[in-house]
Amino acid sequence: MQIINSEREAREESLLQTLTEIWESSVRATHHFLSASDVEKLRPQVQEALKQIPVLLVCLKPNSEANQPIGFLGVEGRKVEMLFIDGSARGAGAGSLLMHKAFELTHANEVDVNEQNPQAIGFYEHLGFCIFARSETDSEGRPFPLLHMRREQS
């Protein structure tokens, strides 16, 4: 697998559309607490966030001549704001690869995780993150509790 760093100025609409599709595939595989309506409402926000996030790392499918993305990670400051892997590519190491690249490039050490997503919580705990706070709602005030996690720098 290969990781590319997509510069904000060079993000083409086709890449943003592909990453939005990956987001949706990932969310449908892991965010069972979201309704189809919730996903539809979130899509424009995700597309805008993909345009604006300062650091966007994209994982490409191995042995893909077309450089097909299978996952992505966004960082602002030292906080991982988004990490999504296509539902068909989950469990193959793309998430870990993206996180290690984020550690290397940005020293990212914080992430917010939906409390109703135990797979994500376990993933981040495996990478050394610990819960340091909890919010009853997400950043938009919706009833999706967040766990705020931090990783001590190694």
C-alpha atoms as a PDB file:
ATOM      1  CA  MET A   1       0.000   0.000   0.000  1.00  0.00           C
ATOM      2  CA  GLN A   2       1.130   3.499  -0.755  1.00  0.00           C
ATOM      3  CA  ILE A   3       0.283   6.733   1.073  1.00  0.00           C
ATOM      4  CA  ILE A   4       0.092  10.067  -0.724  1.00  0.00           C
ATOM      5  CA  ASN A   5      -0.235  13.477   0.891  1.00  0.00           C
ATOM      6  CA  SER A   6      -2.878  15.429  -1.023  1.00  0.00           C
ATOM      7  CA  GLU A   7      -2.120  19.147  -0.959  1.00  0.00           C
ATOM      8  CA  ARG A   8      -5.227  21.267  -0.426  1.00  0.00           C
ATOM      9  CA  GLU A   9      -4.675  23.293  -3.611  1.00  0.00           C
ATOM     10  CA  ALA A  10      -4.292  20.166  -5.754  1.00  0.00           C
ATOM     11  CA  ARG A  11      -7.359  18.220  -4.619  1.00  0.00           C
ATOM     12  CA  GLU A  12      -9.338  17.450  -7.732  1.00  0.00           C
ATOM     13  CA  GLU A  13     -13.096  17.055  -7.659  1.00  0.00           C
ATOM     14  CA  SER A  14     -12.782  13.434  -8.830  1.00  0.00           C
ATOM     15  CA  LEU A  15     -10.566  12.589  -5.827  1.00  0.00           C
ATOM     16  CA  LEU A  16     -12.982  14.321  -3.448  1.00  0.00           C
ATOM     17  CA  GLN A  17     -15.895  12.354  -4.922  1.00  0.00           C
ATOM     18  CA  THR A  18     -14.007   9.055  -4.571  1.00  0.00           C
ATOM     19  CA  LEU A  19     -13.105   9.849  -0.964  1.00  0.00           C
ATOM     20  CA  THR A  20     -16.728  10.736  -0.202  1.00  0.00           C
ATOM     21  CA  GLU A  21     -17.747   7.330  -1.559  1.00  0.00           C
ATOM     22  CA  ILE A  22     -15.110   5.686   0.664  1.00  0.00           C
ATOM     23  CA  TRP A  23     -16.457   7.655   3.639  1.00  0.00           C
ATOM     24  CA  GLU A  24     -19.969   6.398   2.940  1.00  0.00           C
ATOM     25  CA  SER A  25     -18.824   2.789   2.521  1.00  0.00           C
ATOM     26  CA  SER A  26     -16.893   2.992   5.779  1.00  0.00           C
ATOM     27  CA  VAL A  27     -19.737   4.636   7.681  1.00  0.00           C
ATOM     28  CA  ARG A  28     -22.250   2.063   6.474  1.00  0.00           C
ATOM     29  CA  ALA A  29     -19.900  -0.712   7.665  1.00  0.00           C
ATOM     30  CA  THR A  30     -19.154   0.756  11.098  1.00  0.00           C
ATOM     31  CA  HIS A  31     -21.606   3.486  12.135  1.00  0.00           C
ATOM     32  CA  HIS A  32     -24.735   1.391  12.664  1.00  0.00           C
ATOM     33  CA  PHE A  33     -26.129   4.087  14.953  1.00  0.00           C
ATOM     34  CA  LEU A  34     -26.569   6.455  11.972  1.00  0.00           C
ATOM     35  CA  SER A  35     -29.715   6.292   9.879  1.00  0.00           C
ATOM     36  CA  ALA A  36     -29.681   6.535   6.084  1.00  0.00           C
ATOM     37  CA  SER A  37     -31.045  10.059   6.539  1.00  0.00           C
ATOM     38  CA  ASP A  38     -28.154  10.948   8.878  1.00  0.00           C
ATOM     39  CA  VAL A  39     -25.657   9.750   6.265  1.00  0.00           C
ATOM     40  CA  GLU A  40     -27.351  11.817   3.543  1.00  0.00           C
ATOM     41  CA  LYS A  41     -27.278  14.924   5.752  1.00  0.00           C
ATOM     42  CA  LEU A  42     -23.595  14.413   6.578  1.00  0.00           C
ATOM     43  CA  ARG A  43     -22.402  13.919   2.985  1.00  0.00           C
ATOM     44  CA  PRO A  44     -22.126  17.683   2.097  1.00  0.00           C
ATOM     45  CA  GLN A  45     -20.298  18.345   5.369  1.00  0.00           C
ATOM     46  CA  VAL A  46     -17.836  15.563   4.592  1.00  0.00           C
ATOM     47  CA  GLN A  47     -17.237  16.902   1.085  1.00  0.00           C
ATOM     48  CA  GLU A  48     -16.517  20.382   2.473  1.00  0.00           C
ATOM     49  CA  ALA A  49     -14.262  18.988   5.198  1.00  0.00           C
ATOM     50  CA  LEU A  50     -12.269  17.064   2.580  1.00  0.00           C
ATOM     51  CA  LYS A  51     -11.675  20.328   0.713  1.00  0.00           C
ATOM     52  CA  GLN A  52     -10.595  22.211   3.837  1.00  0.00           C
ATOM     53  CA  ILE A  53      -8.639  19.771   6.005  1.00  0.00           C
ATOM     54  CA  PRO A  54      -5.002  20.939   6.115  1.00  0.00           C
ATOM     55  CA  VAL A  55      -3.403  17.478   5.912  1.00  0.00           C
ATOM     56  CA  LEU A  56      -5.103  14.777   3.856  1.00  0.00           C
ATOM     57  CA  LEU A  57      -3.367  11.426   3.516  1.00  0.00           C
ATOM     58  CA  VAL A  58      -4.743   8.939   1.004  1.00  0.00           C
ATOM     59  CA  CYS A  59      -3.986   5.215   1.000  1.00  0.00           C
ATOM     60  CA  LEU A  60      -3.866   3.620  -2.439  1.00  0.00           C
ATOM     61  CA  LYS A  61      -4.841   0.056  -3.229  1.00  0.00           C
ATOM     62  CA  PRO A  62      -1.787  -2.191  -3.515  1.00  0.00           C
ATOM     63  CA  ASN A  63      -0.811  -3.193  -7.051  1.00  0.00           C
ATOM     64  CA  SER A  64      -3.321  -0.749  -8.517  1.00  0.00           C
ATOM     65  CA  GLU A  65      -2.138   0.815 -11.748  1.00  0.00           C
ATOM     66  CA  ALA A  66      -4.987   3.321 -11.509  1.00  0.00           C
ATOM     67  CA  ASN A  67      -3.816   4.550  -8.060  1.00  0.00           C
ATOM     68  CA  GLN A  68      -7.216   3.667  -6.626  1.00  0.00           C
ATOM     69  CA  PRO A  69      -7.787   5.111  -3.116  1.00  0.00           C
ATOM     70  CA  ILE A  70      -9.036   2.706  -0.452  1.00  0.00           C
ATOM     71  CA  GLY A  71      -8.878   4.992   2.573  1.00  0.00           C
ATOM     72  CA  PHE A  72      -7.974   8.413   3.865  1.00  0.00           C
ATOM     73  CA  LEU A  73      -7.033  10.308   6.993  1.00  0.00           C
ATOM     74  CA  GLY A  74      -7.295  14.033   7.729  1.00  0.00           C
ATOM     75  CA  VAL A  75      -5.342  15.959  10.364  1.00  0.00           C
ATOM     76  CA  GLU A  76      -5.698  19.500  11.634  1.00  0.00           C
ATOM     77  CA  GLY A  77      -3.017  20.606  14.051  1.00  0.00           C
ATOM     78  CA  ARG A  78      -2.234  17.443  15.976  1.00  0.00           C
ATOM     79  CA  LYS A  79      -5.757  16.020  15.886  1.00  0.00           C
ATOM     80  CA  VAL A  80      -6.948  13.262  13.581  1.00  0.00           C
ATOM     81  CA  GLU A  81     -10.251  14.661  12.335  1.00  0.00           C
ATOM     82  CA  MET A  82     -11.174  11.810  10.001  1.00  0.00           C
ATOM     83  CA  LEU A  83     -10.075   8.276   9.222  1.00  0.00           C
ATOM     84  CA  PHE A  84     -12.150   6.149   6.871  1.00  0.00           C
ATOM     85  CA  ILE A  85     -11.355   2.921   5.039  1.00  0.00           C
ATOM     86  CA  ASP A  86     -13.531   1.497   2.263  1.00  0.00           C
ATOM     87  CA  GLY A  87     -15.751  -1.241   3.677  1.00  0.00           C
ATOM     88  CA  SER A  88     -14.228  -3.815   1.314  1.00  0.00           C
ATOM     89  CA  ALA A  89     -10.664  -2.959   2.407  1.00  0.00           C
ATOM     90  CA  ARG A  90     -11.132  -2.932   6.179  1.00  0.00           C
ATOM     91  CA  GLY A  91      -8.789  -5.125   8.207  1.00  0.00           C
ATOM     92  CA  ALA A  92      -5.946  -5.115   5.678  1.00  0.00           C
ATOM     93  CA  GLY A  93      -3.741  -2.578   7.479  1.00  0.00           C
ATOM     94  CA  ALA A  94      -4.617   0.645   5.649  1.00  0.00           C
ATOM     95  CA  GLY A  95      -5.849   2.361   8.821  1.00  0.00           C
ATOM     96  CA  SER A  96      -2.693   1.522  10.755  1.00  0.00           C
ATOM     97  CA  LEU A  97      -0.524   2.595   7.842  1.00  0.00           C
ATOM     98  CA  LEU A  98      -2.338   5.933   7.609  1.00  0.00           C
ATOM     99  CA  MET A  99      -2.063   6.510  11.365  1.00  0.00           C
ATOM    100  CA  HIS A 100       1.662   5.770  11.438  1.00  0.00           C
ATOM    101  CA  LYS A 101       2.215   8.179   8.550  1.00  0.00           C
ATOM    102  CA  ALA A 102       0.180  10.807  10.432  1.00  0.00           C
ATOM    103  CA  PHE A 103       2.320  10.248  13.541  1.00  0.00           C
ATOM    104  CA  GLU A 104       5.448  10.697  11.426  1.00  0.00           C
ATOM    105  CA  LEU A 105       4.319  13.795   9.509  1.00  0.00           C
ATOM    106  CA  THR A 106       2.184  15.694  12.020  1.00  0.00           C
ATOM    107  CA  HIS A 107       2.830  14.121  15.440  1.00  0.00           C
ATOM    108  CA  ALA A 108      -0.955  13.718  15.686  1.00  0.00           C
ATOM    109  CA  ASN A 109      -1.906  12.602  19.181  1.00  0.00           C
ATOM    110  CA  GLU A 110      -5.650  13.256  19.597  1.00  0.00           C
ATOM    111  CA  VAL A 111      -8.832  11.888  18.074  1.00  0.00           C
ATOM    112  CA  ASP A 112     -12.566  11.959  18.827  1.00  0.00           C
ATOM    113  CA  VAL A 113     -14.399   8.656  18.413  1.00  0.00           C
ATOM    114  CA  ASN A 114     -18.113   7.943  18.424  1.00  0.00           C
ATOM    115  CA  GLU A 115     -18.870   6.032  21.603  1.00  0.00           C
ATOM    116  CA  GLN A 116     -21.199   3.749  19.610  1.00  0.00           C
ATOM    117  CA  ASN A 117     -18.299   2.600  17.411  1.00  0.00           C
ATOM    118  CA  PRO A 118     -16.486  -0.029  19.534  1.00  0.00           C
ATOM    119  CA  GLN A 119     -14.311  -1.201  16.625  1.00  0.00           C
ATOM    120  CA  ALA A 120     -12.822   2.290  16.252  1.00  0.00           C
ATOM    121  CA  ILE A 121     -12.293   2.611  20.002  1.00  0.00           C
ATOM    122  CA  GLY A 122     -10.407  -0.703  20.029  1.00  0.00           C
ATOM    123  CA  PHE A 123      -8.364   0.336  16.994  1.00  0.00           C
ATOM    124  CA  TYR A 124      -7.200   3.561  18.633  1.00  0.00           C
ATOM    125  CA  GLU A 125      -6.543   1.856  21.971  1.00  0.00           C
ATOM    126  CA  HIS A 126      -4.364  -0.668  20.108  1.00  0.00           C
ATOM    127  CA  LEU A 127      -2.355   2.302  18.785  1.00  0.00           C
ATOM    128  CA  GLY A 128      -1.823   3.632  22.319  1.00  0.00           C
ATOM    129  CA  PHE A 129      -4.694   6.118  22.628  1.00  0.00           C
ATOM    130  CA  CYS A 130      -6.523   6.474  25.948  1.00  0.00           C
ATOM    131  CA  ILE A 131      -9.835   8.151  26.715  1.00  0.00           C
ATOM    132  CA  PHE A 132      -9.369  11.445  28.548  1.00  0.00           C
ATOM    133  CA  ALA A 133     -12.869  12.952  28.263  1.00  0.00           C
ATOM    134  CA  ARG A 134     -16.392  12.308  26.992  1.00  0.00           C
ATOM    135  CA  SER A 135     -19.040  14.530  25.399  1.00  0.00           C
ATOM    136  CA  GLU A 136     -22.761  13.713  25.381  1.00  0.00           C
ATOM    137  CA  THR A 137     -23.108  15.021  21.815  1.00  0.00           C
ATOM    138  CA  ASP A 138     -20.985  15.282  18.691  1.00  0.00           C
ATOM    139  CA  SER A 139     -19.457  18.573  17.545  1.00  0.00           C
ATOM    140  CA  GLU A 140     -22.733  19.529  15.833  1.00  0.00           C
ATOM    141  CA  GLY A 141     -24.795  18.930  18.979  1.00  0.00           C
ATOM    142  CA  ARG A 142     -26.332  15.699  17.717  1.00  0.00           C
ATOM    143  CA  PRO A 143     -27.023  12.886  20.227  1.00  0.00           C
ATOM    144  CA  PHE A 144     -23.948  10.857  19.288  1.00  0.00           C
ATOM    145  CA  PRO A 145     -21.606  10.786  22.312  1.00  0.00           C
ATOM    146  CA  LEU A 146     -17.903  11.268  21.615  1.00  0.00           C
ATOM    147  CA  LEU A 147     -14.918   9.849  23.410  1.00  0.00           C
ATOM    148  CA  HIS A 148     -11.926  12.178  23.322  1.00  0.00           C
ATOM    149  CA  MET A 149      -8.735  10.143  23.111  1.00  0.00           C
ATOM    150  CA  ARG A 150      -5.076  11.070  23.393  1.00  0.00           C
ATOM    151  CA  ARG A 151      -1.847   9.244  22.716  1.00  0.00           C
ATOM    152  CA  GLU A 152       1.333  10.011  24.610  1.00  0.00           C
ATOM    153  CA  GLN A 153       4.175  10.765  22.232  1.00  0.00           C
ATOM    154  CA  SER A 154       6.784   8.026  21.942  1.00  0.00           C
END
